[in-house]
Amino acid sequence: PLAVLHRHRRGIDEAVRAKTSEMESTHPGISEAYREWRGGNG
């Protein structure tokens, strides 16, 4: 079950990362903000 949850979480993170990459052209700096948001405060 832990492996299933880990894979689920990775899928969520990948989806958010892909969406922020798509939004980078219309929202400059969102990819950088995502990296900080993802790794910074938890």
All heavy atoms as atom14 arrays in JSON, in Angstrom:
{
  "sequence": "PLAVLHRHRRGIDEAVRAKTSEMESTHPGISEAYREWRGGNG",
  "atom14_mask": [
    [1, 1, 1, 1, 1, 1, 1, 0, 0, 0, 0, 0, 0, 0],
    [1, 1, 1, 1, 1, 1, 1, 1, 0, 0, 0, 0, 0, 0],
    [1, 1, 1, 1, 1, 0, 0, 0, 0, 0, 0, 0, 0, 0],
    [1, 1, 1, 1, 1, 1, 1, 0, 0, 0, 0, 0, 0, 0],
    [1, 1, 1, 1, 1, 1, 1, 1, 0, 0, 0, 0, 0, 0],
    [1, 1, 1, 1, 1, 1, 1, 1, 1, 1, 0, 0, 0, 0],
    [1, 1, 1, 1, 1, 1, 1, 1, 1, 1, 1, 0, 0, 0],
    [1, 1, 1, 1, 1, 1, 1, 1, 1, 1, 0, 0, 0, 0],
    [1, 1, 1, 1, 1, 1, 1, 1, 1, 1, 1, 0, 0, 0],
    [1, 1, 1, 1, 1, 1, 1, 1, 1, 1, 1, 0, 0, 0],
    [1, 1, 1, 1, 0, 0, 0, 0, 0, 0, 0, 0, 0, 0],
    [1, 1, 1, 1, 1, 1, 1, 1, 0, 0, 0, 0, 0, 0],
    [1, 1, 1, 1, 1, 1, 1, 1, 0, 0, 0, 0, 0, 0],
    [1, 1, 1, 1, 1, 1, 1, 1, 1, 0, 0, 0, 0, 0],
    [1, 1, 1, 1, 1, 0, 0, 0, 0, 0, 0, 0, 0, 0],
    [1, 1, 1, 1, 1, 1, 1, 0, 0, 0, 0, 0, 0, 0],
    [1, 1, 1, 1, 1, 1, 1, 1, 1, 1, 1, 0, 0, 0],
    [1, 1, 1, 1, 1, 0, 0, 0, 0, 0, 0, 0, 0, 0],
    [1, 1, 1, 1, 1, 1, 1, 1, 1, 0, 0, 0, 0, 0],
    [1, 1, 1, 1, 1, 1, 1, 0, 0, 0, 0, 0, 0, 0],
    [1, 1, 1, 1, 1, 1, 0, 0, 0, 0, 0, 0, 0, 0],
    [1, 1, 1, 1, 1, 1, 1, 1, 1, 0, 0, 0, 0, 0],
    [1, 1, 1, 1, 1, 1, 1, 1, 0, 0, 0, 0, 0, 0],
    [1, 1, 1, 1, 1, 1, 1, 1, 1, 0, 0, 0, 0, 0],
    [1, 1, 1, 1, 1, 1, 0, 0, 0, 0, 0, 0, 0, 0],
    [1, 1, 1, 1, 1, 1, 1, 0, 0, 0, 0, 0, 0, 0],
    [1, 1, 1, 1, 1, 1, 1, 1, 1, 1, 0, 0, 0, 0],
    [1, 1, 1, 1, 1, 1, 1, 0, 0, 0, 0, 0, 0, 0],
    [1, 1, 1, 1, 0, 0, 0, 0, 0, 0, 0, 0, 0, 0],
    [1, 1, 1, 1, 1, 1, 1, 1, 0, 0, 0, 0, 0, 0],
    [1, 1, 1, 1, 1, 1, 0, 0, 0, 0, 0, 0, 0, 0],
    [1, 1, 1, 1, 1, 1, 1, 1, 1, 0, 0, 0, 0, 0],
    [1, 1, 1, 1, 1, 0, 0, 0, 0, 0, 0, 0, 0, 0],
    [1, 1, 1, 1, 1, 1, 1, 1, 1, 1, 1, 1, 0, 0],
    [1, 1, 1, 1, 1, 1, 1, 1, 1, 1, 1, 0, 0, 0],
    [1, 1, 1, 1, 1, 1, 1, 1, 1, 0, 0, 0, 0, 0],
    [1, 1, 1, 1, 1, 1, 1, 1, 1, 1, 1, 1, 1, 1],
    [1, 1, 1, 1, 1, 1, 1, 1, 1, 1, 1, 0, 0, 0],
    [1, 1, 1, 1, 0, 0, 0, 0, 0, 0, 0, 0, 0, 0],
    [1, 1, 1, 1, 0, 0, 0, 0, 0, 0, 0, 0, 0, 0],
    [1, 1, 1, 1, 1, 1, 1, 1, 0, 0, 0, 0, 0, 0],
    [1, 1, 1, 1, 0, 0, 0, 0, 0, 0, 0, 0, 0, 0]
  ],
  "atom14_positions": [
    [[0.82, -1.22, 0.0], [0.0, 0.0, 0.0], [0.85, 1.27, 0.0], [0.47, 2.28, -0.6], [-0.83, -0.09, 1.28], [-0.68, -1.46, 1.8], [0.51, -2.06, 1.14], [0.0, 0.0, 0.0], [0.0, 0.0, 0.0], [0.0, 0.0, 0.0], [0.0, 0.0, 0.0], [0.0, 0.0, 0.0], [0.0, 0.0, 0.0], [0.0, 0.0, 0.0]],
    [[1.99, 1.21, 0.66], [2.88, 2.38, 0.66], [3.42, 2.66, -0.73], [3.55, 3.82, -1.13], [4.03, 2.16, 1.65], [3.63, 2.08, 3.12], [4.84, 1.77, 3.97], [2.95, 3.35, 3.57], [0.0, 0.0, 0.0], [0.0, 0.0, 0.0], [0.0, 0.0, 0.0], [0.0, 0.0, 0.0], [0.0, 0.0, 0.0], [0.0, 0.0, 0.0]],
    [[3.71, 1.61, -1.48], [4.17, 1.8, -2.86], [3.07, 2.4, -3.73], [3.34, 3.26, -4.57], [4.65, 0.46, -3.43], [0.0, 0.0, 0.0], [0.0, 0.0, 0.0], [0.0, 0.0, 0.0], [0.0, 0.0, 0.0], [0.0, 0.0, 0.0], [0.0, 0.0, 0.0], [0.0, 0.0, 0.0], [0.0, 0.0, 0.0], [0.0, 0.0, 0.0]],
    [[1.84, 1.96, -3.51], [0.71, 2.52, -4.27], [0.55, 4.0, -3.96], [0.39, 4.83, -4.86], [-0.59, 1.74, -3.96], [-1.81, 2.46, -4.53], [-0.51, 0.33, -4.5], [0.0, 0.0, 0.0], [0.0, 0.0, 0.0], [0.0, 0.0, 0.0], [0.0, 0.0, 0.0], [0.0, 0.0, 0.0], [0.0, 0.0, 0.0], [0.0, 0.0, 0.0]],
    [[0.63, 4.35, -2.68], [0.51, 5.76, -2.29], [1.66, 6.59, -2.82], [1.47, 7.75, -3.24], [0.41, 5.88, -0.77], [-0.9, 5.41, -0.16], [-0.81, 5.43, 1.36], [-2.05, 6.26, -0.65], [0.0, 0.0, 0.0], [0.0, 0.0, 0.0], [0.0, 0.0, 0.0], [0.0, 0.0, 0.0], [0.0, 0.0, 0.0], [0.0, 0.0, 0.0]],
    [[2.87, 6.03, -2.82], [4.03, 6.75, -3.34], [3.87, 7.01, -4.84], [4.13, 8.12, -5.32], [5.31, 5.96, -3.07], [6.53, 6.59, -3.63], [7.08, 7.75, -3.12], [7.3, 6.26, -4.69], [8.14, 8.09, -3.83], [8.3, 7.19, -4.79], [0.0, 0.0, 0.0], [0.0, 0.0, 0.0], [0.0, 0.0, 0.0], [0.0, 0.0, 0.0]],
    [[3.42, 6.02, -5.57], [3.2, 6.18, -7.01], [2.1, 7.2, -7.28], [2.2, 8.02, -8.2], [2.85, 4.83, -7.64], [2.76, 4.9, -9.11], [2.75, 3.52, -9.72], [2.75, 3.65, -11.16], [1.86, 3.09, -11.95], [0.92, 2.33, -11.44], [1.93, 3.27, -13.25], [0.0, 0.0, 0.0], [0.0, 0.0, 0.0], [0.0, 0.0, 0.0]],
    [[1.07, 7.17, -6.47], [-0.02, 8.14, -6.58], [0.5, 9.56, -6.36], [0.2, 10.47, -7.14], [-1.09, 7.79, -5.54], [-2.19, 8.77, -5.43], [-3.17, 8.91, -6.38], [-2.48, 9.68, -4.46], [-4.01, 9.85, -6.01], [-3.62, 10.33, -4.84], [0.0, 0.0, 0.0], [0.0, 0.0, 0.0], [0.0, 0.0, 0.0], [0.0, 0.0, 0.0]],
    [[1.31, 9.74, -5.34], [1.87, 11.07, -5.03], [2.8, 11.55, -6.15], [2.78, 12.72, -6.52], [2.62, 10.99, -3.7], [3.39, 12.22, -3.32], [2.42, 13.36, -3.02], [3.13, 14.59, -2.83], [3.45, 15.09, -1.66], [3.13, 14.45, -0.57], [4.09, 16.22, -1.58], [0.0, 0.0, 0.0], [0.0, 0.0, 0.0], [0.0, 0.0, 0.0]],
    [[3.61, 10.65, -6.69], [4.49, 11.04, -7.79], [3.68, 11.46, -9.0], [4.05, 12.39, -9.72], [5.43, 9.89, -8.15], [6.53, 9.73, -7.12], [7.53, 8.7, -7.5], [8.08, 8.98, -8.82], [8.75, 8.11, -9.54], [8.97, 6.91, -9.06], [9.23, 8.42, -10.71], [0.0, 0.0, 0.0], [0.0, 0.0, 0.0], [0.0, 0.0, 0.0]],
    [[2.57, 10.79, -9.26], [1.7, 11.17, -10.37], [1.11, 12.56, -10.19], [1.02, 13.34, -11.14], [0.0, 0.0, 0.0], [0.0, 0.0, 0.0], [0.0, 0.0, 0.0], [0.0, 0.0, 0.0], [0.0, 0.0, 0.0], [0.0, 0.0, 0.0], [0.0, 0.0, 0.0], [0.0, 0.0, 0.0], [0.0, 0.0, 0.0], [0.0, 0.0, 0.0]],
    [[0.73, 12.89, -8.97], [0.21, 14.23, -8.67], [1.29, 15.26, -8.91], [1.06, 16.29, -9.57], [-0.29, 14.3, -7.22], [-1.53, 13.44, -7.04], [-0.59, 15.75, -6.82], [-1.94, 13.27, -5.59], [0.0, 0.0, 0.0], [0.0, 0.0, 0.0], [0.0, 0.0, 0.0], [0.0, 0.0, 0.0], [0.0, 0.0, 0.0], [0.0, 0.0, 0.0]],
    [[2.48, 15.02, -8.38], [3.58, 15.98, -8.55], [3.93, 16.17, -10.02], [4.2, 17.28, -10.47], [4.82, 15.53, -7.76], [4.64, 15.68, -6.26], [3.73, 16.45, -5.85], [5.38, 15.05, -5.51], [0.0, 0.0, 0.0], [0.0, 0.0, 0.0], [0.0, 0.0, 0.0], [0.0, 0.0, 0.0], [0.0, 0.0, 0.0], [0.0, 0.0, 0.0]],
    [[3.92, 15.08, -10.78], [4.22, 15.17, -12.2], [3.15, 15.97, -12.94], [3.46, 16.77, -13.82], [4.34, 13.76, -12.81], [4.68, 13.74, -14.26], [6.01, 14.38, -14.61], [6.93, 14.35, -13.77], [6.13, 14.93, -15.72], [0.0, 0.0, 0.0], [0.0, 0.0, 0.0], [0.0, 0.0, 0.0], [0.0, 0.0, 0.0], [0.0, 0.0, 0.0]],
    [[1.89, 15.77, -12.58], [0.81, 16.52, -13.23], [0.91, 18.01, -12.94], [0.73, 18.85, -13.83], [-0.55, 15.99, -12.75], [0.0, 0.0, 0.0], [0.0, 0.0, 0.0], [0.0, 0.0, 0.0], [0.0, 0.0, 0.0], [0.0, 0.0, 0.0], [0.0, 0.0, 0.0], [0.0, 0.0, 0.0], [0.0, 0.0, 0.0], [0.0, 0.0, 0.0]],
    [[1.24, 18.37, -11.7], [1.38, 19.79, -11.34], [2.59, 20.39, -12.05], [2.53, 21.51, -12.57], [1.48, 19.98, -9.81], [1.78, 21.42, -9.45], [0.2, 19.53, -9.13], [0.0, 0.0, 0.0], [0.0, 0.0, 0.0], [0.0, 0.0, 0.0], [0.0, 0.0, 0.0], [0.0, 0.0, 0.0], [0.0, 0.0, 0.0], [0.0, 0.0, 0.0]],
    [[3.69, 19.63, -12.1], [4.88, 20.13, -12.78], [4.6, 20.36, -14.26], [4.99, 21.39, -14.84], [6.05, 19.16, -12.62], [7.37, 19.73, -13.16], [8.42, 18.67, -13.32], [8.04, 17.64, -14.26], [7.99, 17.77, -15.59], [8.26, 18.92, -16.14], [7.65, 16.75, -16.36], [0.0, 0.0, 0.0], [0.0, 0.0, 0.0], [0.0, 0.0, 0.0]],
    [[3.9, 19.44, -14.9], [3.57, 19.58, -16.32], [2.66, 20.79, -16.55], [2.85, 21.54, -17.51], [2.9, 18.31, -16.84], [0.0, 0.0, 0.0], [0.0, 0.0, 0.0], [0.0, 0.0, 0.0], [0.0, 0.0, 0.0], [0.0, 0.0, 0.0], [0.0, 0.0, 0.0], [0.0, 0.0, 0.0], [0.0, 0.0, 0.0], [0.0, 0.0, 0.0]],
    [[1.7, 20.98, -15.67], [0.78, 22.12, -15.81], [1.52, 23.44, -15.62], [1.27, 24.4, -16.36], [-0.36, 21.98, -14.81], [-1.43, 23.01, -14.98], [-2.16, 22.83, -16.29], [-3.29, 23.84, -16.4], [-3.88, 23.89, -17.71], [0.0, 0.0, 0.0], [0.0, 0.0, 0.0], [0.0, 0.0, 0.0], [0.0, 0.0, 0.0], [0.0, 0.0, 0.0]],
    [[2.44, 23.5, -14.65], [3.19, 24.75, -14.46], [4.11, 25.01, -15.65], [4.32, 26.16, -16.01], [4.0, 24.74, -13.15], [4.89, 23.63, -13.14], [3.09, 24.72, -11.94], [0.0, 0.0, 0.0], [0.0, 0.0, 0.0], [0.0, 0.0, 0.0], [0.0, 0.0, 0.0], [0.0, 0.0, 0.0], [0.0, 0.0, 0.0], [0.0, 0.0, 0.0]],
    [[4.64, 23.95, -16.27], [5.47, 24.14, -17.46], [4.64, 24.71, -18.61], [5.11, 25.57, -19.36], [6.1, 22.83, -17.89], [7.01, 22.38, -16.92], [0.0, 0.0, 0.0], [0.0, 0.0, 0.0], [0.0, 0.0, 0.0], [0.0, 0.0, 0.0], [0.0, 0.0, 0.0], [0.0, 0.0, 0.0], [0.0, 0.0, 0.0], [0.0, 0.0, 0.0]],
    [[3.4, 24.23, -18.74], [2.51, 24.77, -19.77], [2.16, 26.23, -19.5], [2.02, 27.02, -20.43], [1.2, 23.97, -19.81], [1.31, 22.59, -20.36], [-0.01, 21.83, -20.24], [-1.05, 22.46, -19.97], [0.01, 20.6, -20.41], [0.0, 0.0, 0.0], [0.0, 0.0, 0.0], [0.0, 0.0, 0.0], [0.0, 0.0, 0.0], [0.0, 0.0, 0.0]],
    [[2.01, 26.58, -18.23], [1.59, 27.93, -17.86], [2.74, 28.94, -17.88], [2.5, 30.14, -17.75], [0.97, 27.91, -16.46], [-0.33, 27.16, -16.38], [-0.93, 26.99, -14.68], [-1.24, 28.7, -14.25], [0.0, 0.0, 0.0], [0.0, 0.0, 0.0], [0.0, 0.0, 0.0], [0.0, 0.0, 0.0], [0.0, 0.0, 0.0], [0.0, 0.0, 0.0]],
    [[3.97, 28.48, -18.03], [5.14, 29.36, -17.95], [5.08, 30.5, -18.97], [5.49, 31.62, -18.68], [6.43, 28.56, -18.11], [7.7, 29.35, -17.96], [7.91, 29.9, -16.55], [7.5, 29.24, -15.57], [8.48, 30.99, -16.45], [0.0, 0.0, 0.0], [0.0, 0.0, 0.0], [0.0, 0.0, 0.0], [0.0, 0.0, 0.0], [0.0, 0.0, 0.0]],
    [[4.56, 30.24, -20.15], [4.52, 31.29, -21.18], [3.55, 32.42, -20.82], [3.81, 33.58, -21.1], [4.15, 30.69, -22.55], [2.86, 30.13, -22.49], [0.0, 0.0, 0.0], [0.0, 0.0, 0.0], [0.0, 0.0, 0.0], [0.0, 0.0, 0.0], [0.0, 0.0, 0.0], [0.0, 0.0, 0.0], [0.0, 0.0, 0.0], [0.0, 0.0, 0.0]],
    [[2.45, 32.08, -20.19], [1.47, 33.11, -19.82], [1.67, 33.65, -18.41], [1.2, 34.73, -18.1], [0.03, 32.57, -19.95], [-0.1, 31.41, -19.12], [-0.3, 32.24, -21.38], [0.0, 0.0, 0.0], [0.0, 0.0, 0.0], [0.0, 0.0, 0.0], [0.0, 0.0, 0.0], [0.0, 0.0, 0.0], [0.0, 0.0, 0.0], [0.0, 0.0, 0.0]],
    [[2.34, 32.87, -17.56], [2.62, 33.27, -16.18], [4.12, 33.11, -15.9], [4.54, 32.11, -15.32], [1.82, 32.41, -15.19], [0.35, 32.53, -15.34], [-0.36, 31.78, -16.24], [-0.54, 33.32, -14.71], [-1.64, 32.09, -16.15], [-1.78, 33.03, -15.23], [0.0, 0.0, 0.0], [0.0, 0.0, 0.0], [0.0, 0.0, 0.0], [0.0, 0.0, 0.0]],
    [[4.92, 34.08, -16.33], [6.37, 33.94, -16.15], [6.75, 33.79, -14.68], [6.26, 34.5, -13.83], [6.94, 35.24, -16.72], [5.81, 35.94, -17.38], [4.54, 35.34, -16.93], [0.0, 0.0, 0.0], [0.0, 0.0, 0.0], [0.0, 0.0, 0.0], [0.0, 0.0, 0.0], [0.0, 0.0, 0.0], [0.0, 0.0, 0.0], [0.0, 0.0, 0.0]],
    [[7.6, 32.82, -14.41], [8.1, 32.6, -13.06], [7.33, 31.55, -12.28], [7.72, 31.22, -11.16], [0.0, 0.0, 0.0], [0.0, 0.0, 0.0], [0.0, 0.0, 0.0], [0.0, 0.0, 0.0], [0.0, 0.0, 0.0], [0.0, 0.0, 0.0], [0.0, 0.0, 0.0], [0.0, 0.0, 0.0], [0.0, 0.0, 0.0], [0.0, 0.0, 0.0]],
    [[6.27, 31.0, -12.85], [5.49, 30.02, -12.09], [6.25, 28.7, -11.92], [6.12, 28.04, -10.88], [4.09, 29.79, -12.71], [3.19, 29.08, -11.69], [4.18, 29.04, -14.02], [1.73, 29.08, -12.04], [0.0, 0.0, 0.0], [0.0, 0.0, 0.0], [0.0, 0.0, 0.0], [0.0, 0.0, 0.0], [0.0, 0.0, 0.0], [0.0, 0.0, 0.0]],
    [[7.08, 28.34, -12.89], [7.87, 27.11, -12.73], [8.88, 27.25, -11.61], [9.08, 26.32, -10.81], [8.59, 26.76, -14.03], [7.66, 26.39, -15.02], [0.0, 0.0, 0.0], [0.0, 0.0, 0.0], [0.0, 0.0, 0.0], [0.0, 0.0, 0.0], [0.0, 0.0, 0.0], [0.0, 0.0, 0.0], [0.0, 0.0, 0.0], [0.0, 0.0, 0.0]],
    [[9.5, 28.4, -11.52], [10.45, 28.66, -10.42], [9.71, 28.66, -9.08], [10.19, 28.11, -8.09], [11.14, 30.0, -10.64], [12.12, 30.36, -9.54], [12.68, 31.77, -9.75], [12.93, 32.14, -10.92], [12.84, 32.46, -8.75], [0.0, 0.0, 0.0], [0.0, 0.0, 0.0], [0.0, 0.0, 0.0], [0.0, 0.0, 0.0], [0.0, 0.0, 0.0]],
    [[8.53, 29.28, -9.06], [7.73, 29.3, -7.84], [7.31, 27.87, -7.45], [7.3, 27.52, -6.27], [6.5, 30.17, -8.03], [0.0, 0.0, 0.0], [0.0, 0.0, 0.0], [0.0, 0.0, 0.0], [0.0, 0.0, 0.0], [0.0, 0.0, 0.0], [0.0, 0.0, 0.0], [0.0, 0.0, 0.0], [0.0, 0.0, 0.0], [0.0, 0.0, 0.0]],
    [[6.99, 27.04, -8.45], [6.62, 25.66, -8.16], [7.79, 24.9, -7.54], [7.61, 24.18, -6.57], [6.15, 24.93, -9.43], [6.04, 23.44, -9.22], [5.04, 22.92, -8.42], [6.97, 22.56, -9.78], [4.93, 21.56, -8.19], [6.86, 21.2, -9.55], [5.85, 20.71, -8.76], [5.77, 19.35, -8.53], [0.0, 0.0, 0.0], [0.0, 0.0, 0.0]],
    [[8.99, 25.07, -8.08], [10.15, 24.38, -7.53], [10.39, 24.82, -6.08], [10.71, 23.99, -5.22], [11.38, 24.63, -8.39], [11.39, 23.81, -9.66], [12.72, 23.89, -10.39], [13.01, 25.22, -10.88], [12.57, 25.73, -12.03], [11.79, 24.99, -12.8], [12.9, 26.94, -12.41], [0.0, 0.0, 0.0], [0.0, 0.0, 0.0], [0.0, 0.0, 0.0]],
    [[10.22, 26.09, -5.81], [10.39, 26.58, -4.43], [9.27, 26.06, -3.55], [9.5, 25.64, -2.41], [10.42, 28.11, -4.42], [10.72, 28.68, -3.05], [10.79, 30.18, -3.05], [10.91, 30.8, -4.14], [10.73, 30.77, -1.95], [0.0, 0.0, 0.0], [0.0, 0.0, 0.0], [0.0, 0.0, 0.0], [0.0, 0.0, 0.0], [0.0, 0.0, 0.0]],
    [[8.04, 26.09, -4.04], [6.88, 25.63, -3.28], [7.01, 24.14, -2.99], [6.71, 23.69, -1.9], [5.63, 25.9, -4.11], [4.34, 25.47, -3.52], [3.6, 26.12, -2.58], [3.6, 24.29, -3.85], [2.46, 25.42, -2.32], [2.42, 24.29, -3.08], [3.82, 23.23, -4.75], [1.48, 23.28, -3.17], [2.88, 22.24, -4.83], [1.72, 22.28, -4.05]],
    [[7.48, 23.39, -3.97], [7.61, 21.93, -3.83], [8.72, 21.55, -2.86], [8.56, 20.65, -2.05], [7.9, 21.33, -5.22], [8.28, 19.88, -5.22], [7.06, 19.03, -5.08], [7.41, 17.65, -5.26], [7.64, 16.81, -4.25], [7.54, 17.21, -3.02], [7.96, 15.56, -4.49], [0.0, 0.0, 0.0], [0.0, 0.0, 0.0], [0.0, 0.0, 0.0]],
    [[9.82, 22.26, -2.92], [10.96, 21.86, -2.1], [11.16, 22.65, -0.83], [11.82, 22.2, 0.08], [0.0, 0.0, 0.0], [0.0, 0.0, 0.0], [0.0, 0.0, 0.0], [0.0, 0.0, 0.0], [0.0, 0.0, 0.0], [0.0, 0.0, 0.0], [0.0, 0.0, 0.0], [0.0, 0.0, 0.0], [0.0, 0.0, 0.0], [0.0, 0.0, 0.0]],
    [[10.57, 23.82, -0.75], [10.86, 24.72, 0.35], [10.16, 24.41, 1.65], [10.68, 23.74, 2.54], [0.0, 0.0, 0.0], [0.0, 0.0, 0.0], [0.0, 0.0, 0.0], [0.0, 0.0, 0.0], [0.0, 0.0, 0.0], [0.0, 0.0, 0.0], [0.0, 0.0, 0.0], [0.0, 0.0, 0.0], [0.0, 0.0, 0.0], [0.0, 0.0, 0.0]],
    [[8.93, 24.84, 1.76], [8.26, 24.82, 3.06], [7.6, 23.49, 3.41], [7.25, 23.28, 4.53], [7.22, 25.95, 3.12], [6.18, 25.83, 2.03], [6.09, 24.84, 1.33], [5.4, 26.88, 1.87], [0.0, 0.0, 0.0], [0.0, 0.0, 0.0], [0.0, 0.0, 0.0], [0.0, 0.0, 0.0], [0.0, 0.0, 0.0], [0.0, 0.0, 0.0]],
    [[7.36, 22.64, 2.44], [6.75, 21.35, 2.71], [5.27, 21.43, 3.01], [4.64, 20.43, 3.29], [0.0, 0.0, 0.0], [0.0, 0.0, 0.0], [0.0, 0.0, 0.0], [0.0, 0.0, 0.0], [0.0, 0.0, 0.0], [0.0, 0.0, 0.0], [0.0, 0.0, 0.0], [0.0, 0.0, 0.0], [0.0, 0.0, 0.0], [0.0, 0.0, 0.0]]
  ]
}
